[in-house]
N, C-alpha and C. Protein backbone atom coordinates (compact mmCIF):
# COMPACT_ATOMS: atom_id res chain seq x y z
N MET A 1 0.78 -1.42 -0.30
CA MET A 1 0.21 0.04 -0.28
C MET A 1 1.18 1.06 0.03
N THR A 2 0.60 2.16 -0.71
CA THR A 2 1.26 3.39 -0.96
C THR A 2 0.83 4.92 -0.13
N TYR A 3 -0.56 4.67 0.50
CA TYR A 3 -0.73 5.96 1.14
C TYR A 3 -0.40 7.40 0.30
N ASN A 4 -0.92 6.88 -0.86
CA ASN A 4 -0.89 8.44 -1.53
C ASN A 4 0.29 8.75 -2.31
N TRP A 5 1.00 7.83 -1.92
CA TRP A 5 2.41 8.10 -2.68
C TRP A 5 2.37 7.37 -3.76
N GLU A 6 2.99 8.23 -4.83
CA GLU A 6 2.99 7.39 -6.32
C GLU A 6 3.81 6.38 -6.37
N TYR A 7 4.09 5.41 -6.66
CA TYR A 7 5.22 4.46 -6.94
C TYR A 7 5.21 3.55 -7.80
N SER A 8 5.93 3.15 -8.69
CA SER A 8 5.55 2.31 -9.95
C SER A 8 5.02 0.75 -10.03
N GLN A 9 5.23 0.58 -8.59
CA GLN A 9 4.65 -1.03 -7.88
C GLN A 9 4.31 -0.76 -6.60
N GLU A 10 4.02 -1.97 -6.00
CA GLU A 10 3.62 -2.30 -4.76
C GLU A 10 4.83 -2.65 -4.11
N PHE A 11 4.93 -2.34 -2.83
CA PHE A 11 6.11 -2.43 -1.90
C PHE A 11 5.68 -2.97 -0.66
N SER A 12 6.31 -3.44 0.28
CA SER A 12 6.02 -3.55 1.68
C SER A 12 7.26 -2.79 2.14
N PRO A 13 6.95 -1.76 3.44
CA PRO A 13 7.73 -0.86 3.86
C PRO A 13 8.77 -1.85 4.76
N ASN A 14 8.30 -3.05 5.11
CA ASN A 14 9.03 -3.87 6.16
C ASN A 14 10.26 -4.32 5.56
N ASP A 15 10.23 -4.29 3.75
CA ASP A 15 11.64 -4.61 3.46
C ASP A 15 12.58 -3.42 3.14
N TYR A 16 12.51 -2.15 3.36
CA TYR A 16 13.06 -1.43 3.01
C TYR A 16 13.34 -0.39 4.11
N PHE A 17 14.28 0.20 4.35
CA PHE A 17 14.72 1.10 5.22
C PHE A 17 14.40 2.50 5.16
N GLY A 18 14.27 3.27 3.89
CA GLY A 18 13.32 4.47 3.82
C GLY A 18 13.34 4.58 1.98
N PHE A 19 12.81 5.69 1.75
CA PHE A 19 12.78 6.29 0.31
C PHE A 19 13.24 7.38 -0.14
N VAL A 20 13.79 7.49 -1.22
CA VAL A 20 13.96 8.95 -1.81
C VAL A 20 12.65 9.49 -2.65
N TYR A 21 12.04 10.81 -2.18
CA TYR A 21 10.83 11.53 -2.90
C TYR A 21 11.16 12.52 -3.39
N ILE A 22 10.04 13.05 -4.24
CA ILE A 22 9.97 14.38 -4.97
C ILE A 22 8.64 14.47 -4.72
N ILE A 23 8.46 15.92 -4.07
CA ILE A 23 7.15 16.58 -3.66
C ILE A 23 6.86 17.35 -4.85
N GLU A 24 5.69 17.65 -5.60
CA GLU A 24 5.68 18.48 -6.87
C GLU A 24 4.21 19.36 -6.44
N ASN A 25 4.25 20.62 -6.48
CA ASN A 25 3.40 21.52 -6.60
C ASN A 25 2.81 21.63 -7.96
N THR A 26 1.63 21.18 -8.04
CA THR A 26 0.59 20.99 -9.37
C THR A 26 0.58 22.14 -9.62
N LEU A 27 0.35 23.16 -8.71
CA LEU A 27 -0.32 24.64 -9.39
C LEU A 27 1.05 25.43 -10.30
N ASN A 28 2.17 25.16 -9.76
CA ASN A 28 3.44 25.81 -10.40
C ASN A 28 4.54 25.22 -10.70
N ASN A 29 4.59 23.52 -10.72
CA ASN A 29 5.48 22.37 -10.90
C ASN A 29 6.57 22.88 -10.36
N LYS A 30 6.72 23.55 -8.83
CA LYS A 30 7.96 23.58 -8.32
C LYS A 30 8.01 22.22 -7.51
N LYS A 31 9.28 21.92 -7.04
CA LYS A 31 9.35 20.53 -6.72
C LYS A 31 10.38 20.51 -5.41
N TYR A 32 10.34 19.37 -4.57
CA TYR A 32 11.38 19.22 -3.63
C TYR A 32 12.01 17.63 -3.62
N ILE A 33 13.09 17.31 -3.79
CA ILE A 33 13.70 16.35 -3.29
C ILE A 33 14.32 15.83 -2.02
N GLY A 34 13.73 14.90 -1.57
CA GLY A 34 14.08 14.66 0.05
C GLY A 34 14.34 13.11 0.14
N LYS A 35 14.60 12.77 1.41
CA LYS A 35 14.41 11.33 1.85
C LYS A 35 13.50 11.33 3.14
N LYS A 36 13.25 9.92 3.37
CA LYS A 36 12.23 9.63 4.56
C LYS A 36 12.62 8.22 5.01
N TYR A 37 12.61 7.73 6.31
CA TYR A 37 12.52 6.62 6.86
C TYR A 37 11.53 6.23 7.06
N PHE A 38 11.21 4.81 6.73
CA PHE A 38 9.95 4.06 6.83
C PHE A 38 10.04 3.93 8.67
N TRP A 39 11.41 3.67 9.13
CA TRP A 39 11.48 3.31 10.74
C TRP A 39 12.56 4.07 11.20
N TYR A 40 12.39 3.92 12.71
CA TYR A 40 13.74 4.50 13.31
C TYR A 40 13.46 3.93 14.70
N ASP A 41 14.78 4.30 15.29
CA ASP A 41 14.81 3.55 16.65
C ASP A 41 15.01 4.59 17.93
N ARG A 42 14.28 4.40 19.01
CA ARG A 42 14.10 5.50 19.89
C ARG A 42 14.39 4.73 21.51
N LYS A 43 14.85 5.34 22.06
CA LYS A 43 14.94 4.92 23.47
C LYS A 43 13.37 4.84 24.14
N LYS A 44 12.95 3.97 24.88
CA LYS A 44 11.62 3.93 25.64
C LYS A 44 12.22 3.15 26.82
N LYS A 45 11.28 4.08 28.06
CA LYS A 45 11.69 3.81 29.24
C LYS A 45 11.05 2.54 29.33
N LEU A 46 11.43 1.97 30.34
CA LEU A 46 11.45 0.42 30.89
C LEU A 46 10.26 0.72 31.89
N THR A 47 9.62 -0.37 31.72
CA THR A 47 8.43 -0.22 32.86
C THR A 47 8.77 -0.94 34.05
N LYS A 48 7.89 -0.69 35.20
CA LYS A 48 8.58 -1.23 36.64
C LYS A 48 8.61 -2.69 36.60
N LYS A 49 7.84 -3.22 35.64
CA LYS A 49 8.19 -4.79 35.39
C LYS A 49 8.99 -5.39 34.91
N GLU A 50 9.19 -4.73 33.95
CA GLU A 50 10.77 -5.11 33.10
C GLU A 50 11.96 -4.50 33.80
N LEU A 51 11.82 -3.53 34.82
CA LEU A 51 13.06 -3.27 35.72
C LEU A 51 13.04 -4.43 36.77
N LYS A 52 11.87 -4.89 37.45
CA LYS A 52 12.28 -5.97 38.43
C LYS A 52 12.60 -7.32 37.71
N GLU A 53 12.54 -7.60 36.40
CA GLU A 53 12.75 -8.67 35.65
C GLU A 53 14.73 -8.79 35.65
N HIS A 54 14.88 -7.67 35.79
CA HIS A 54 16.45 -7.53 35.52
C HIS A 54 17.07 -8.64 36.34
N VAL A 55 18.12 -9.31 35.53
CA VAL A 55 18.88 -10.35 36.53
C VAL A 55 20.50 -9.97 35.87
N GLY A 56 21.47 -9.92 36.85
CA GLY A 56 22.98 -10.07 36.66
C GLY A 56 23.12 -8.78 37.57
N LYS A 57 24.67 -8.65 37.56
CA LYS A 57 25.20 -7.61 38.57
C LYS A 57 25.02 -5.98 38.02
N GLY A 58 25.14 -5.23 38.63
CA GLY A 58 24.93 -3.73 38.46
C GLY A 58 23.62 -3.14 38.06
N ARG A 59 23.46 -1.84 37.83
CA ARG A 59 22.28 -1.26 37.90
C ARG A 59 21.67 -1.68 36.69
N PRO A 60 20.34 -2.08 37.22
CA PRO A 60 19.65 -2.37 35.71
C PRO A 60 19.28 -1.14 34.66
N PRO A 61 19.17 -1.32 33.56
CA PRO A 61 19.05 -0.24 32.54
C PRO A 61 17.60 0.28 32.73
N ARG A 62 17.80 1.62 32.18
CA ARG A 62 16.48 2.46 32.49
C ARG A 62 15.99 2.58 31.42
N SER A 63 16.24 2.19 30.08
CA SER A 63 15.61 2.00 28.84
C SER A 63 15.93 1.08 27.90
N LYS A 64 15.42 1.13 27.14
CA LYS A 64 15.47 0.00 25.62
C LYS A 64 15.66 0.66 24.36
N ARG A 65 15.83 0.36 23.64
CA ARG A 65 15.85 0.73 22.24
C ARG A 65 14.68 -0.19 21.49
N VAL A 66 13.79 0.60 20.92
CA VAL A 66 12.75 -0.07 20.11
C VAL A 66 12.39 0.61 18.80
N ILE A 67 12.42 -0.11 17.90
CA ILE A 67 11.92 0.39 16.59
C ILE A 67 10.40 0.89 16.12
N VAL A 68 10.56 1.91 15.70
CA VAL A 68 8.81 2.60 15.43
C VAL A 68 8.66 2.98 14.27
N GLU A 69 7.71 2.94 13.74
CA GLU A 69 7.36 3.39 12.18
C GLU A 69 7.40 4.90 12.17
N SER A 70 7.73 5.25 11.18
CA SER A 70 7.82 6.98 10.96
C SER A 70 6.71 7.25 10.44
N ASP A 71 6.53 8.78 10.10
CA ASP A 71 5.16 9.42 9.90
C ASP A 71 5.22 9.53 8.59
N TRP A 72 5.40 8.53 7.55
CA TRP A 72 6.10 8.61 6.34
C TRP A 72 4.84 8.54 5.50
N LYS A 73 3.70 7.59 5.94
CA LYS A 73 2.28 8.20 5.54
C LYS A 73 1.66 9.46 5.13
N ASP A 74 1.94 10.37 6.24
CA ASP A 74 1.37 11.52 6.00
C ASP A 74 2.08 12.78 6.16
N TYR A 75 3.52 12.22 5.67
CA TYR A 75 4.76 13.11 5.19
C TYR A 75 4.90 13.98 3.85
N TYR A 76 4.95 15.10 4.35
CA TYR A 76 4.87 16.23 3.26
C TYR A 76 6.22 16.97 3.26
N GLY A 77 7.42 16.50 3.58
CA GLY A 77 8.49 17.29 3.59
C GLY A 77 9.00 17.91 4.39
N SER A 78 9.93 18.64 4.86
CA SER A 78 10.60 19.55 5.76
C SER A 78 10.89 20.83 5.52
N ASN A 79 10.84 20.89 3.94
CA ASN A 79 11.23 22.54 3.68
C ASN A 79 10.61 23.45 4.28
N LYS A 80 10.77 24.61 4.66
CA LYS A 80 9.91 25.94 5.08
C LYS A 80 9.32 26.41 4.02
N TYR A 81 9.55 26.55 2.80
CA TYR A 81 8.65 27.17 1.67
C TYR A 81 7.87 26.38 1.40
N LEU A 82 7.97 24.84 0.90
CA LEU A 82 7.24 24.02 0.81
C LEU A 82 6.07 23.71 1.70
N LYS A 83 6.52 23.73 3.17
CA LYS A 83 5.34 23.68 3.93
C LYS A 83 4.42 24.84 3.95
N GLU A 84 4.89 26.29 3.89
CA GLU A 84 4.04 27.51 3.89
C GLU A 84 3.24 27.37 2.32
N ASP A 85 3.63 26.69 1.35
CA ASP A 85 2.98 26.62 0.38
C ASP A 85 1.59 25.43 0.46
N ILE A 86 2.04 24.36 0.80
CA ILE A 86 1.02 23.33 1.68
C ILE A 86 -0.06 24.24 2.12
N LYS A 87 0.43 24.76 3.08
CA LYS A 87 -0.76 25.68 4.11
C LYS A 87 -1.46 26.26 3.31
N ASN A 88 -1.03 27.15 2.56
CA ASN A 88 -1.70 28.16 1.54
C ASN A 88 -2.53 27.46 0.60
N ASN A 89 -1.81 26.54 -0.26
CA ASN A 89 -2.56 25.99 -1.27
C ASN A 89 -3.70 24.60 -0.92
N GLY A 90 -3.22 23.86 0.18
CA GLY A 90 -3.89 22.87 0.33
C GLY A 90 -3.22 21.23 0.24
N ILE A 91 -3.12 20.38 0.47
CA ILE A 91 -2.41 19.20 -0.10
C ILE A 91 -2.84 18.46 -1.39
N GLN A 92 -3.98 18.83 -1.76
CA GLN A 92 -4.79 18.35 -3.00
C GLN A 92 -3.87 18.73 -3.92
N HIS A 93 -3.04 19.90 -3.93
CA HIS A 93 -2.27 20.74 -4.99
C HIS A 93 -0.89 19.88 -5.26
N PHE A 94 -0.73 18.87 -4.27
CA PHE A 94 0.73 18.53 -3.95
C PHE A 94 0.94 16.80 -4.38
N LYS A 95 1.59 16.60 -5.30
CA LYS A 95 2.08 15.01 -5.56
C LYS A 95 3.11 14.72 -4.67
N ARG A 96 2.83 13.54 -4.27
CA ARG A 96 4.01 12.77 -3.72
C ARG A 96 4.34 11.34 -4.18
N ILE A 97 5.62 11.43 -4.86
CA ILE A 97 6.32 10.45 -5.77
C ILE A 97 7.54 9.90 -5.06
N ILE A 98 7.38 8.52 -4.83
CA ILE A 98 8.38 7.67 -4.53
C ILE A 98 9.36 7.59 -5.47
N VAL A 99 10.68 7.78 -5.72
CA VAL A 99 11.64 8.10 -6.75
C VAL A 99 12.70 6.60 -6.58
N ARG A 100 13.05 6.28 -5.44
CA ARG A 100 13.72 5.11 -5.13
C ARG A 100 13.73 4.50 -3.84
N LEU A 101 13.57 3.21 -3.62
CA LEU A 101 13.44 2.73 -2.24
C LEU A 101 14.71 1.99 -1.86
N CYS A 102 15.20 2.26 -0.31
CA CYS A 102 16.42 1.99 -0.46
C CYS A 102 16.52 1.32 0.76
N THR A 103 17.49 0.36 1.16
CA THR A 103 17.58 -0.53 2.09
C THR A 103 18.48 -0.03 3.50
N ASN A 104 19.05 0.69 3.21
CA ASN A 104 19.93 1.15 4.40
C ASN A 104 20.22 2.80 4.41
N LYS A 105 20.49 3.14 5.36
CA LYS A 105 20.94 4.86 5.50
C LYS A 105 21.75 5.26 4.70
N LYS A 106 22.96 4.94 4.70
CA LYS A 106 24.07 5.11 3.50
C LYS A 106 23.37 5.10 2.12
N GLU A 107 22.70 3.79 1.58
CA GLU A 107 22.29 4.14 0.16
C GLU A 107 21.43 5.07 0.06
N LEU A 108 20.37 5.42 1.00
CA LEU A 108 19.43 6.52 1.33
C LEU A 108 19.61 7.89 0.86
N THR A 109 21.13 8.04 1.71
CA THR A 109 21.49 9.45 2.09
C THR A 109 22.14 9.73 0.53
N TYR A 110 22.82 8.57 -0.26
CA TYR A 110 23.63 8.70 -1.70
C TYR A 110 22.43 8.96 -2.48
N TRP A 111 21.22 8.38 -2.61
CA TRP A 111 20.57 8.82 -3.80
C TRP A 111 19.91 10.05 -3.93
N GLU A 112 19.54 10.44 -2.64
CA GLU A 112 19.19 11.72 -2.04
C GLU A 112 19.83 12.93 -2.84
N THR A 113 21.15 12.39 -2.33
CA THR A 113 22.01 13.62 -2.67
C THR A 113 22.68 13.71 -4.03
N LYS A 114 22.58 12.51 -4.61
CA LYS A 114 22.88 12.69 -6.34
C LYS A 114 21.54 12.97 -7.09
N LEU A 115 20.37 12.87 -6.61
CA LEU A 115 19.50 13.40 -7.73
C LEU A 115 19.37 14.94 -7.22
N GLN A 116 19.61 15.48 -6.22
CA GLN A 116 19.71 16.81 -5.65
C GLN A 116 21.00 17.66 -6.92
N PHE A 117 21.91 17.08 -6.94
CA PHE A 117 23.06 17.26 -7.54
C PHE A 117 22.76 17.20 -9.01
N VAL A 118 22.19 16.06 -9.48
CA VAL A 118 21.73 15.69 -10.93
C VAL A 118 20.82 16.83 -11.41
N TYR A 119 19.83 16.99 -10.69
CA TYR A 119 18.80 18.15 -11.15
C TYR A 119 19.27 19.60 -11.00
N SER A 120 20.28 19.75 -10.31
CA SER A 120 20.95 21.09 -9.90
C SER A 120 19.82 21.90 -9.29
N VAL A 121 19.49 21.48 -8.13
CA VAL A 121 18.21 21.84 -7.24
C VAL A 121 18.99 23.45 -6.45
N LEU A 122 20.21 23.48 -6.38
CA LEU A 122 20.47 24.65 -5.83
C LEU A 122 20.53 25.65 -6.75
N GLU A 123 20.79 25.44 -8.05
CA GLU A 123 20.86 26.38 -8.95
C GLU A 123 19.59 26.85 -9.67
N ARG A 124 18.73 26.32 -9.19
CA ARG A 124 17.21 26.69 -9.79
C ARG A 124 15.89 26.96 -8.96
N PRO A 125 16.32 27.67 -8.16
CA PRO A 125 15.21 28.29 -7.15
C PRO A 125 14.21 28.30 -7.64
N GLU A 126 13.90 28.61 -8.77
CA GLU A 126 12.63 28.70 -9.36
C GLU A 126 11.57 27.39 -9.74
N GLU A 127 12.68 26.49 -9.78
CA GLU A 127 11.97 25.19 -10.03
C GLU A 127 12.15 24.23 -8.71
N TRP A 128 12.76 24.50 -7.77
CA TRP A 128 12.88 23.57 -7.04
C TRP A 128 12.99 24.13 -5.28
N TYR A 129 12.24 23.81 -4.40
CA TYR A 129 12.24 24.44 -3.00
C TYR A 129 13.66 23.96 -2.24
N ASN A 130 14.15 22.94 -2.81
CA ASN A 130 15.47 22.61 -2.02
C ASN A 130 16.50 23.84 -1.90
N ASP A 131 16.72 24.38 -0.64
CA ASP A 131 17.95 25.33 -0.54
C ASP A 131 19.02 25.00 0.06
N ASN A 132 19.37 23.62 0.33
CA ASN A 132 20.79 23.10 0.70
C ASN A 132 20.73 21.63 0.44
N ILE A 133 21.89 21.19 0.33
CA ILE A 133 22.08 19.75 0.10
C ILE A 133 23.08 19.24 1.44
N LEU A 134 22.69 18.36 2.33
CA LEU A 134 23.30 17.74 3.17
C LEU A 134 23.51 18.80 4.32
N GLY A 135 23.01 19.97 4.29
CA GLY A 135 23.18 20.88 5.10
C GLY A 135 24.70 21.34 5.19
N LYS A 136 25.41 21.22 4.15
CA LYS A 136 26.81 21.58 3.61
C LYS A 136 26.71 22.55 2.41
N PHE A 137 26.01 22.41 1.58
CA PHE A 137 25.85 23.16 0.40
C PHE A 137 24.88 24.14 0.08
N TYR A 138 24.85 25.28 0.10
CA TYR A 138 23.50 26.03 0.32
C TYR A 138 23.54 27.14 -0.97
N SER A 139 22.16 27.47 -1.59
CA SER A 139 22.13 28.11 -2.74
C SER A 139 22.61 29.45 -2.38
N SER A 140 22.53 29.85 -1.02
CA SER A 140 22.64 31.27 -1.13
C SER A 140 24.78 31.22 -1.08
N ASP A 141 25.15 30.18 -0.91
CA ASP A 141 26.69 30.45 -1.18
C ASP A 141 27.22 30.35 -2.39
N LEU A 142 26.10 29.99 -3.39
CA LEU A 142 26.66 30.02 -5.17
C LEU A 142 26.89 31.29 -5.48
N ASN A 143 28.10 31.28 -6.21
CA ASN A 143 28.24 32.77 -6.91
C ASN A 143 27.97 32.91 -8.10
N GLU A 144 26.92 33.71 -8.45
CA GLU A 144 26.07 33.65 -9.56
C GLU A 144 26.83 34.20 -10.52
N ARG A 145 27.60 35.06 -10.30
CA ARG A 145 28.45 35.93 -11.45
C ARG A 145 29.63 35.10 -12.10
N THR A 146 30.11 33.88 -11.28
CA THR A 146 31.18 33.11 -12.41
C THR A 146 30.54 32.44 -13.19
N PRO A 147 30.79 32.48 -14.25
CA PRO A 147 30.08 31.72 -15.61
C PRO A 147 30.91 30.26 -15.30
N VAL A 148 29.80 29.28 -15.93
CA VAL A 148 29.84 27.93 -15.94
C VAL A 148 30.53 27.41 -17.12
N SER A 149 31.63 26.92 -17.23
CA SER A 149 32.27 26.61 -18.43
C SER A 149 32.06 25.16 -19.02
């Protein structure tokens, strides 16, 4: 099931770590490339019963790591300007497309970054909401006066 995400075939989130996506504003065709995890792990405080069950030497742990499903089904990106446009125009004017499913974190980051560079998202602010790549490369840092050869 894809939960209003467009993808070329059916898949199970249980088989993947996350996905690279494009969200498109159908009113002005402006897009955003991002990545989203299906799952994440978090600390969960142990219950009193779990604390009593502790055996062994030393102080019992206070928490455990659990895997939890992310909010991917309802997710519409993290970019400030994209969120603003969604709020002003309504989600019915935005298409969510899964571009690639990935099995681990490194693969996910690689494909998101590669697509952002391939589509020159920082150089085309009129076409893309993205204003940075990996939090290291920012559209505001680009010197537009230098010709590309």
